[in-house]
Amino acid sequence: SLVMLVFRDEKSEDDELKSWAFWHSRQHSAKQRILDADTKNSIGLVGCIEEVSHNAIAFYWNPLDGPAKISVAVQCLSTDFSNQKGVKVRSNSRSS
């Protein structure tokens, strides 16, 4: 099975590649991954978890042995893909 982190809003392939390149350019290590698996809390896997790319992992499991569970950590915030930082807050100020 393959677990892949993708953008919720559909983007063109070119825009998606630009977004990932922007994210990578802001990381302190070229080996930084956006998706990591927690092998200690995963069950039912056969063999090792393979790091396919910075946003994807692959693993094998046998459905005859029962269900598999894999725990993953997403290592980013939505603001990591934007030059703007912080959360926009809408102000409802009124003057009397």
PDB file of N, CA and C in Angstrom:
ATOM      1  N   SER A   1       0.847  -1.181   0.000  1.00  0.00           N
ATOM      2  CA  SER A   1       0.000   0.000   0.000  1.00  0.00           C
ATOM      3  C   SER A   1       0.881   1.228   0.000  1.00  0.00           C
ATOM      4  N   LEU A   2       0.325   2.315  -0.513  1.00  0.00           N
ATOM      5  CA  LEU A   2       1.040   3.581  -0.607  1.00  0.00           C
ATOM      6  C   LEU A   2       0.240   4.646   0.137  1.00  0.00           C
ATOM      7  N   VAL A   3       0.920   5.395   0.996  1.00  0.00           N
ATOM      8  CA  VAL A   3       0.317   6.530   1.680  1.00  0.00           C
ATOM      9  C   VAL A   3       1.027   7.767   1.143  1.00  0.00           C
ATOM     10  N   MET A   4       0.223   8.705   0.610  1.00  0.00           N
ATOM     11  CA  MET A   4       0.802   9.898   0.003  1.00  0.00           C
ATOM     12  C   MET A   4       0.063  11.133   0.495  1.00  0.00           C
ATOM     13  N   LEU A   5       0.821  12.137   0.877  1.00  0.00           N
ATOM     14  CA  LEU A   5       0.257  13.414   1.285  1.00  0.00           C
ATOM     15  C   LEU A   5       0.170  14.300   0.049  1.00  0.00           C
ATOM     16  N   VAL A   6      -1.045  14.773  -0.253  1.00  0.00           N
ATOM     17  CA  VAL A   6      -1.266  15.617  -1.432  1.00  0.00           C
ATOM     18  C   VAL A   6      -2.044  16.856  -1.006  1.00  0.00           C
ATOM     19  N   PHE A   7      -2.144  17.802  -1.921  1.00  0.00           N
ATOM     20  CA  PHE A   7      -2.893  19.023  -1.637  1.00  0.00           C
ATOM     21  C   PHE A   7      -4.389  18.765  -1.760  1.00  0.00           C
ATOM     22  N   ARG A   8      -5.169  19.329  -0.866  1.00  0.00           N
ATOM     23  CA  ARG A   8      -6.617  19.147  -0.875  1.00  0.00           C
ATOM     24  C   ARG A   8      -7.226  19.763  -2.126  1.00  0.00           C
ATOM     25  N   ASP A   9      -6.817  20.964  -2.456  1.00  0.00           N
ATOM     26  CA  ASP A   9      -7.324  21.626  -3.662  1.00  0.00           C
ATOM     27  C   ASP A   9      -6.514  21.131  -4.850  1.00  0.00           C
ATOM     28  N   GLU A  10      -7.210  20.681  -5.870  1.00  0.00           N
ATOM     29  CA  GLU A  10      -6.529  20.137  -7.037  1.00  0.00           C
ATOM     30  C   GLU A  10      -5.693  21.222  -7.706  1.00  0.00           C
ATOM     31  N   LYS A  11      -4.429  20.889  -7.971  1.00  0.00           N
ATOM     32  CA  LYS A  11      -3.511  21.820  -8.617  1.00  0.00           C
ATOM     33  C   LYS A  11      -2.992  21.177  -9.887  1.00  0.00           C
ATOM     34  N   SER A  12      -2.525  21.995 -10.806  1.00  0.00           N
ATOM     35  CA  SER A  12      -1.869  21.438 -11.988  1.00  0.00           C
ATOM     36  C   SER A  12      -0.555  20.797 -11.521  1.00  0.00           C
ATOM     37  N   GLU A  13      -0.037  19.888 -12.316  1.00  0.00           N
ATOM     38  CA  GLU A  13       1.207  19.218 -11.941  1.00  0.00           C
ATOM     39  C   GLU A  13       2.331  20.227 -11.747  1.00  0.00           C
ATOM     40  N   ASP A  14       2.376  21.243 -12.609  1.00  0.00           N
ATOM     41  CA  ASP A  14       3.408  22.272 -12.522  1.00  0.00           C
ATOM     42  C   ASP A  14       3.287  23.074 -11.222  1.00  0.00           C
ATOM     43  N   ASP A  15       2.057  23.470 -10.859  1.00  0.00           N
ATOM     44  CA  ASP A  15       1.837  24.230  -9.622  1.00  0.00           C
ATOM     45  C   ASP A  15       2.176  23.386  -8.395  1.00  0.00           C
ATOM     46  N   GLU A  16       1.843  22.104  -8.447  1.00  0.00           N
ATOM     47  CA  GLU A  16       2.152  21.229  -7.325  1.00  0.00           C
ATOM     48  C   GLU A  16       3.666  21.092  -7.152  1.00  0.00           C
ATOM     49  N   LEU A  17       4.386  20.903  -8.251  1.00  0.00           N
ATOM     50  CA  LEU A  17       5.845  20.799  -8.179  1.00  0.00           C
ATOM     51  C   LEU A  17       6.460  22.084  -7.642  1.00  0.00           C
ATOM     52  N   LYS A  18       5.929  23.228  -8.051  1.00  0.00           N
ATOM     53  CA  LYS A  18       6.420  24.517  -7.547  1.00  0.00           C
ATOM     54  C   LYS A  18       6.168  24.640  -6.042  1.00  0.00           C
ATOM     55  N   SER A  19       5.016  24.184  -5.582  1.00  0.00           N
ATOM     56  CA  SER A  19       4.694  24.248  -4.149  1.00  0.00           C
ATOM     57  C   SER A  19       5.637  23.377  -3.342  1.00  0.00           C
ATOM     58  N   TRP A  20       5.900  22.162  -3.837  1.00  0.00           N
ATOM     59  CA  TRP A  20       6.825  21.267  -3.117  1.00  0.00           C
ATOM     60  C   TRP A  20       8.236  21.840  -3.133  1.00  0.00           C
ATOM     61  N   ALA A  21       8.668  22.414  -4.258  1.00  0.00           N
ATOM     62  CA  ALA A  21      10.001  23.017  -4.347  1.00  0.00           C
ATOM     63  C   ALA A  21      10.118  24.192  -3.375  1.00  0.00           C
ATOM     64  N   PHE A  22       9.061  25.000  -3.262  1.00  0.00           N
ATOM     65  CA  PHE A  22       9.048  26.118  -2.317  1.00  0.00           C
ATOM     66  C   PHE A  22       9.181  25.596  -0.890  1.00  0.00           C
ATOM     67  N   TRP A  23       8.436  24.550  -0.562  1.00  0.00           N
ATOM     68  CA  TRP A  23       8.517  23.963   0.784  1.00  0.00           C
ATOM     69  C   TRP A  23       9.932  23.467   1.053  1.00  0.00           C
ATOM     70  N   HIS A  24      10.504  22.730   0.090  1.00  0.00           N
ATOM     71  CA  HIS A  24      11.861  22.203   0.265  1.00  0.00           C
ATOM     72  C   HIS A  24      12.885  23.317   0.447  1.00  0.00           C
ATOM     73  N   SER A  25      12.717  24.418  -0.263  1.00  0.00           N
ATOM     74  CA  SER A  25      13.685  25.511  -0.180  1.00  0.00           C
ATOM     75  C   SER A  25      13.719  26.150   1.199  1.00  0.00           C
ATOM     76  N   ARG A  26      12.669  25.976   1.965  1.00  0.00           N
ATOM     77  CA  ARG A  26      12.578  26.597   3.288  1.00  0.00           C
ATOM     78  C   ARG A  26      12.957  25.653   4.426  1.00  0.00           C
ATOM     79  N   GLN A  27      13.375  24.431   4.096  1.00  0.00           N
ATOM     80  CA  GLN A  27      13.734  23.456   5.125  1.00  0.00           C
ATOM     81  C   GLN A  27      15.218  23.570   5.463  1.00  0.00           C
ATOM     82  N   HIS A  28      15.572  23.217   6.695  1.00  0.00           N
ATOM     83  CA  HIS A  28      16.960  23.318   7.115  1.00  0.00           C
ATOM     84  C   HIS A  28      17.786  22.104   6.712  1.00  0.00           C
ATOM     85  N   SER A  29      17.143  21.079   6.149  1.00  0.00           N
ATOM     86  CA  SER A  29      17.861  19.900   5.690  1.00  0.00           C
ATOM     87  C   SER A  29      17.264  19.431   4.367  1.00  0.00           C
ATOM     88  N   ALA A  30      18.115  19.069   3.428  1.00  0.00           N
ATOM     89  CA  ALA A  30      17.631  18.576   2.133  1.00  0.00           C
ATOM     90  C   ALA A  30      16.933  17.229   2.283  1.00  0.00           C
ATOM     91  N   LYS A  31      17.205  16.547   3.396  1.00  0.00           N
ATOM     92  CA  LYS A  31      16.592  15.236   3.638  1.00  0.00           C
ATOM     93  C   LYS A  31      15.267  15.327   4.394  1.00  0.00           C
ATOM     94  N   GLN A  32      14.823  16.536   4.677  1.00  0.00           N
ATOM     95  CA  GLN A  32      13.566  16.724   5.409  1.00  0.00           C
ATOM     96  C   GLN A  32      12.410  16.074   4.662  1.00  0.00           C
ATOM     97  N   ARG A  33      11.615  15.326   5.391  1.00  0.00           N
ATOM     98  CA  ARG A  33      10.443  14.679   4.815  1.00  0.00           C
ATOM     99  C   ARG A  33       9.201  15.309   5.417  1.00  0.00           C
ATOM    100  N   ILE A  34       8.146  15.361   4.643  1.00  0.00           N
ATOM    101  CA  ILE A  34       6.895  15.949   5.116  1.00  0.00           C
ATOM    102  C   ILE A  34       6.010  14.890   5.768  1.00  0.00           C
ATOM    103  N   LEU A  35       6.288  13.628   5.455  1.00  0.00           N
ATOM    104  CA  LEU A  35       5.483  12.510   5.956  1.00  0.00           C
ATOM    105  C   LEU A  35       6.421  11.478   6.560  1.00  0.00           C
ATOM    106  N   ASP A  36       6.248  11.180   7.834  1.00  0.00           N
ATOM    107  CA  ASP A  36       7.057  10.183   8.521  1.00  0.00           C
ATOM    108  C   ASP A  36       6.155   9.136   9.152  1.00  0.00           C
ATOM    109  N   ALA A  37       6.630   7.904   9.140  1.00  0.00           N
ATOM    110  CA  ALA A  37       5.876   6.797   9.747  1.00  0.00           C
ATOM    111  C   ALA A  37       6.427   6.496  11.131  1.00  0.00           C
ATOM    112  N   ASP A  38       5.533   6.176  12.033  1.00  0.00           N
ATOM    113  CA  ASP A  38       5.889   5.778  13.397  1.00  0.00           C
ATOM    114  C   ASP A  38       5.808   4.260  13.452  1.00  0.00           C
ATOM    115  N   THR A  39       6.936   3.582  13.289  1.00  0.00           N
ATOM    116  CA  THR A  39       6.932   2.119  13.224  1.00  0.00           C
ATOM    117  C   THR A  39       6.572   1.480  14.560  1.00  0.00           C
ATOM    118  N   LYS A  40       6.849   2.139  15.663  1.00  0.00           N
ATOM    119  CA  LYS A  40       6.535   1.580  16.982  1.00  0.00           C
ATOM    120  C   LYS A  40       5.033   1.433  17.198  1.00  0.00           C
ATOM    121  N   ASN A  41       4.249   2.331  16.609  1.00  0.00           N
ATOM    122  CA  ASN A  41       2.800   2.292  16.790  1.00  0.00           C
ATOM    123  C   ASN A  41       2.056   1.741  15.579  1.00  0.00           C
ATOM    124  N   SER A  42       2.787   1.132  14.650  1.00  0.00           N
ATOM    125  CA  SER A  42       2.163   0.514  13.483  1.00  0.00           C
ATOM    126  C   SER A  42       2.118  -0.992  13.686  1.00  0.00           C
ATOM    127  N   ILE A  43       1.048  -1.624  13.213  1.00  0.00           N
ATOM    128  CA  ILE A  43       0.909  -3.076  13.389  1.00  0.00           C
ATOM    129  C   ILE A  43       0.485  -3.724  12.073  1.00  0.00           C
ATOM    130  N   GLY A  44       0.801  -5.000  11.949  1.00  0.00           N
ATOM    131  CA  GLY A  44       0.364  -5.776  10.799  1.00  0.00           C
ATOM    132  C   GLY A  44       1.164  -5.562   9.536  1.00  0.00           C
ATOM    133  N   LEU A  45       2.319  -4.924   9.636  1.00  0.00           N
ATOM    134  CA  LEU A  45       3.133  -4.662   8.457  1.00  0.00           C
ATOM    135  C   LEU A  45       4.078  -5.826   8.203  1.00  0.00           C
ATOM    136  N   VAL A  46       4.379  -6.060   6.929  1.00  0.00           N
ATOM    137  CA  VAL A  46       5.323  -7.100   6.535  1.00  0.00           C
ATOM    138  C   VAL A  46       6.566  -6.400   6.004  1.00  0.00           C
ATOM    139  N   GLY A  47       7.686  -6.538   6.685  1.00  0.00           N
ATOM    140  CA  GLY A  47       8.917  -5.889   6.239  1.00  0.00           C
ATOM    141  C   GLY A  47       8.993  -4.449   6.685  1.00  0.00           C
ATOM    142  N   CYS A  48       9.855  -3.713   6.015  1.00  0.00           N
ATOM    143  CA  CYS A  48      10.126  -2.313   6.373  1.00  0.00           C
ATOM    144  C   CYS A  48       9.222  -1.355   5.606  1.00  0.00           C
ATOM    145  N   ILE A  49       9.090  -0.163   6.147  1.00  0.00           N
ATOM    146  CA  ILE A  49       8.387   0.918   5.466  1.00  0.00           C
ATOM    147  C   ILE A  49       9.386   1.584   4.531  1.00  0.00           C
ATOM    148  N   GLU A  50       8.994   1.755   3.278  1.00  0.00           N
ATOM    149  CA  GLU A  50       9.876   2.343   2.277  1.00  0.00           C
ATOM    150  C   GLU A  50       9.529   3.817   2.078  1.00  0.00           C
ATOM    151  N   GLU A  51      10.535   4.673   2.154  1.00  0.00           N
ATOM    152  CA  GLU A  51      10.346   6.100   1.894  1.00  0.00           C
ATOM    153  C   GLU A  51      10.416   6.304   0.383  1.00  0.00           C
ATOM    154  N   VAL A  52       9.273   6.499  -0.247  1.00  0.00           N
ATOM    155  CA  VAL A  52       9.191   6.624  -1.695  1.00  0.00           C
ATOM    156  C   VAL A  52       9.617   8.016  -2.140  1.00  0.00           C
ATOM    157  N   SER A  53       9.144   9.040  -1.458  1.00  0.00           N
ATOM    158  CA  SER A  53       9.517  10.427  -1.736  1.00  0.00           C
ATOM    159  C   SER A  53       9.271  11.234  -0.469  1.00  0.00           C
ATOM    160  N   HIS A  54       9.486  12.551  -0.550  1.00  0.00           N
ATOM    161  CA  HIS A  54       9.314  13.406   0.631  1.00  0.00           C
ATOM    162  C   HIS A  54       7.876  13.407   1.142  1.00  0.00           C
ATOM    163  N   ASN A  55       6.915  13.012   0.282  1.00  0.00           N
ATOM    164  CA  ASN A  55       5.504  13.045   0.686  1.00  0.00           C
ATOM    165  C   ASN A  55       4.809  11.689   0.523  1.00  0.00           C
ATOM    166  N   ALA A  56       5.581  10.602   0.442  1.00  0.00           N
ATOM    167  CA  ALA A  56       4.965   9.292   0.253  1.00  0.00           C
ATOM    168  C   ALA A  56       5.787   8.185   0.898  1.00  0.00           C
ATOM    169  N   ILE A  57       5.061   7.198   1.439  1.00  0.00           N
ATOM    170  CA  ILE A  57       5.685   5.992   1.976  1.00  0.00           C
ATOM    171  C   ILE A  57       4.924   4.781   1.445  1.00  0.00           C
ATOM    172  N   ALA A  58       5.622   3.668   1.348  1.00  0.00           N
ATOM    173  CA  ALA A  58       5.001   2.423   0.886  1.00  0.00           C
ATOM    174  C   ALA A  58       5.268   1.343   1.931  1.00  0.00           C
ATOM    175  N   PHE A  59       4.321   0.439   2.062  1.00  0.00           N
ATOM    176  CA  PHE A  59       4.495  -0.668   2.998  1.00  0.00           C
ATOM    177  C   PHE A  59       3.706  -1.869   2.498  1.00  0.00           C
ATOM    178  N   TYR A  60       4.112  -3.024   2.948  1.00  0.00           N
ATOM    179  CA  TYR A  60       3.434  -4.264   2.598  1.00  0.00           C
ATOM    180  C   TYR A  60       2.715  -4.799   3.823  1.00  0.00           C
ATOM    181  N   TRP A  61       1.578  -5.433   3.579  1.00  0.00           N
ATOM    182  CA  TRP A  61       0.827  -6.089   4.627  1.00  0.00           C
ATOM    183  C   TRP A  61       0.053  -7.239   3.999  1.00  0.00           C
ATOM    184  N   ASN A  62      -0.319  -8.201   4.816  1.00  0.00           N
ATOM    185  CA  ASN A  62      -1.031  -9.378   4.332  1.00  0.00           C
ATOM    186  C   ASN A  62      -2.455  -9.344   4.876  1.00  0.00           C
ATOM    187  N   PRO A  63      -3.451  -9.126   4.022  1.00  0.00           N
ATOM    188  CA  PRO A  63      -4.836  -9.051   4.505  1.00  0.00           C
ATOM    189  C   PRO A  63      -5.319 -10.354   5.139  1.00  0.00           C
ATOM    190  N   LEU A  64      -4.680 -11.471   4.824  1.00  0.00           N
ATOM    191  CA  LEU A  64      -5.061 -12.741   5.437  1.00  0.00           C
ATOM    192  C   LEU A  64      -4.642 -12.806   6.902  1.00  0.00           C
ATOM    193  N   ASP A  65      -3.674 -11.992   7.283  1.00  0.00           N
ATOM    194  CA  ASP A  65      -3.215 -11.936   8.676  1.00  0.00           C
ATOM    195  C   ASP A  65      -4.028 -10.948   9.508  1.00  0.00           C
ATOM    196  N   GLY A  66      -4.940 -10.212   8.882  1.00  0.00           N
ATOM    197  CA  GLY A  66      -5.741  -9.222   9.597  1.00  0.00           C
ATOM    198  C   GLY A  66      -5.434  -7.826   9.095  1.00  0.00           C
ATOM    199  N   PRO A  67      -6.081  -6.840   9.691  1.00  0.00           N
ATOM    200  CA  PRO A  67      -5.887  -5.453   9.239  1.00  0.00           C
ATOM    201  C   PRO A  67      -4.498  -4.938   9.617  1.00  0.00           C
ATOM    202  N   ALA A  68      -4.080  -3.923   8.905  1.00  0.00           N
ATOM    203  CA  ALA A  68      -2.830  -3.240   9.219  1.00  0.00           C
ATOM    204  C   ALA A  68      -3.162  -1.836   9.709  1.00  0.00           C
ATOM    205  N   LYS A  69      -2.296  -1.330  10.568  1.00  0.00           N
ATOM    206  CA  LYS A  69      -2.448   0.039  11.072  1.00  0.00           C
ATOM    207  C   LYS A  69      -1.089   0.703  10.966  1.00  0.00           C
ATOM    208  N   ILE A  70      -1.080   1.866  10.374  1.00  0.00           N
ATOM    209  CA  ILE A  70       0.173   2.620  10.269  1.00  0.00           C
ATOM    210  C   ILE A  70      -0.055   4.015  10.825  1.00  0.00           C
ATOM    211  N   SER A  71       0.827   4.425  11.703  1.00  0.00           N
ATOM    212  CA  SER A  71       0.755   5.767  12.294  1.00  0.00           C
ATOM    213  C   SER A  71       1.732   6.666  11.551  1.00  0.00           C
ATOM    214  N   VAL A  72       1.241   7.820  11.140  1.00  0.00           N
ATOM    215  CA  VAL A  72       2.090   8.759  10.405  1.00  0.00           C
ATOM    216  C   VAL A  72       2.062  10.128  11.071  1.00  0.00           C
ATOM    217  N   ALA A  73       3.117  10.875  10.834  1.00  0.00           N
ATOM    218  CA  ALA A  73       3.205  12.259  11.300  1.00  0.00           C
ATOM    219  C   ALA A  73       3.389  13.153  10.090  1.00  0.00           C
ATOM    220  N   VAL A  74       2.610  14.219  10.028  1.00  0.00           N
ATOM    221  CA  VAL A  74       2.724  15.204   8.967  1.00  0.00           C
ATOM    222  C   VAL A  74       3.549  16.356   9.531  1.00  0.00           C
ATOM    223  N   GLN A  75       4.688  16.622   8.897  1.00  0.00           N
ATOM    224  CA  GLN A  75       5.665  17.573   9.414  1.00  0.00           C
ATOM    225  C   GLN A  75       5.581  18.933   8.730  1.00  0.00           C
ATOM    226  N   CYS A  76       4.389  19.524   8.685  1.00  0.00           N
ATOM    227  CA  CYS A  76       4.263  20.840   8.068  1.00  0.00           C
ATOM    228  C   CYS A  76       3.003  21.533   8.558  1.00  0.00           C
ATOM    229  N   LEU A  77       2.950  22.809   8.280  1.00  0.00           N
ATOM    230  CA  LEU A  77       1.757  23.618   8.493  1.00  0.00           C
ATOM    231  C   LEU A  77       1.316  24.138   7.138  1.00  0.00           C
ATOM    232  N   SER A  78       0.075  24.507   7.010  1.00  0.00           N
ATOM    233  CA  SER A  78      -0.391  25.048   5.734  1.00  0.00           C
ATOM    234  C   SER A  78       0.365  26.313   5.362  1.00  0.00           C
ATOM    235  N   THR A  79       0.816  27.079   6.354  1.00  0.00           N
ATOM    236  CA  THR A  79       1.544  28.321   6.078  1.00  0.00           C
ATOM    237  C   THR A  79       2.950  28.060   5.543  1.00  0.00           C
ATOM    238  N   ASP A  80       3.425  26.805   5.598  1.00  0.00           N
ATOM    239  CA  ASP A  80       4.741  26.480   5.048  1.00  0.00           C
ATOM    240  C   ASP A  80       4.774  26.597   3.529  1.00  0.00           C
ATOM    241  N   PHE A  81       3.628  26.723   2.898  1.00  0.00           N
ATOM    242  CA  PHE A  81       3.541  26.793   1.450  1.00  0.00           C
ATOM    243  C   PHE A  81       3.223  28.203   0.966  1.00  0.00           C
ATOM    244  N   SER A  82       3.397  29.177   1.854  1.00  0.00           N
ATOM    245  CA  SER A  82       3.057  30.556   1.532  1.00  0.00           C
ATOM    246  C   SER A  82       4.119  31.490   2.083  1.00  0.00           C
ATOM    247  N   ASN A  83       4.317  32.616   1.421  1.00  0.00           N
ATOM    248  CA  ASN A  83       5.222  33.629   1.955  1.00  0.00           C
ATOM    249  C   ASN A  83       4.603  34.355   3.138  1.00  0.00           C
ATOM    250  N   GLN A  84       3.272  34.321   3.236  1.00  0.00           N
ATOM    251  CA  GLN A  84       2.568  34.953   4.355  1.00  0.00           C
ATOM    252  C   GLN A  84       2.605  34.013   5.542  1.00  0.00           C
ATOM    253  N   LYS A  85       2.898  34.536   6.704  1.00  0.00           N
ATOM    254  CA  LYS A  85       2.908  33.740   7.926  1.00  0.00           C
ATOM    255  C   LYS A  85       1.780  34.202   8.827  1.00  0.00           C
ATOM    256  N   GLY A  86       1.325  33.298   9.667  1.00  0.00           N
ATOM    257  CA  GLY A  86       0.296  33.635  10.630  1.00  0.00           C
ATOM    258  C   GLY A  86      -1.095  33.370  10.104  1.00  0.00           C
ATOM    259  N   VAL A  87      -2.046  33.604  10.943  1.00  0.00           N
ATOM    260  CA  VAL A  87      -3.445  33.364  10.625  1.00  0.00           C
ATOM    261  C   VAL A  87      -4.133  34.702  10.468  1.00  0.00           C
ATOM    262  N   LYS A  88      -4.871  34.830   9.403  1.00  0.00           N
ATOM    263  CA  LYS A  88      -5.623  36.067   9.211  1.00  0.00           C
ATOM    264  C   LYS A  88      -6.827  36.065  10.140  1.00  0.00           C
ATOM    265  N   VAL A  89      -7.002  37.154  10.852  1.00  0.00           N
ATOM    266  CA  VAL A  89      -8.126  37.278  11.773  1.00  0.00           C
ATOM    267  C   VAL A  89      -9.010  38.407  11.256  1.00  0.00           C
ATOM    268  N   ARG A  90     -10.279  38.112  11.148  1.00  0.00           N
ATOM    269  CA  ARG A  90     -11.221  39.119  10.687  1.00  0.00           C
ATOM    270  C   ARG A  90     -11.626  39.998  11.847  1.00  0.00           C
ATOM    271  N   SER A  91     -11.509  41.279  11.671  1.00  0.00           N
ATOM    272  CA  SER A  91     -11.830  42.221  12.736  1.00  0.00           C
ATOM    273  C   SER A  91     -13.262  42.732  12.558  1.00  0.00           C
ATOM    274  N   ASN A  92     -14.002  42.736  13.633  1.00  0.00           N
ATOM    275  CA  ASN A  92     -15.376  43.277  13.634  1.00  0.00           C
ATOM    276  C   ASN A  92     -15.430  44.479  14.561  1.00  0.00           C
ATOM    277  N   SER A  93     -14.708  45.511  14.194  1.00  0.00           N
ATOM    278  CA  SER A  93     -14.712  46.692  15.074  1.00  0.00           C
ATOM    279  C   SER A  93     -15.837  47.622  14.664  1.00  0.00           C
ATOM    280  N   ARG A  94     -16.454  48.223  15.661  1.00  0.00           N
ATOM    281  CA  ARG A  94     -17.538  49.184  15.426  1.00  0.00           C
ATOM    282  C   ARG A  94     -17.233  50.434  16.217  1.00  0.00           C
ATOM    283  N   SER A  95     -17.623  51.543  15.663  1.00  0.00           N
ATOM    284  CA  SER A  95     -17.471  52.794  16.425  1.00  0.00           C
ATOM    285  C   SER A  95     -18.854  53.243  16.898  1.00  0.00           C
ATOM    286  N   SER A  96     -18.891  53.798  18.089  1.00  0.00           N
ATOM    287  CA  SER A  96     -20.173  54.225  18.651  1.00  0.00           C
ATOM    288  C   SER A  96     -20.386  55.687  18.485  1.00  0.00           C
TER     289      SER A  96
END
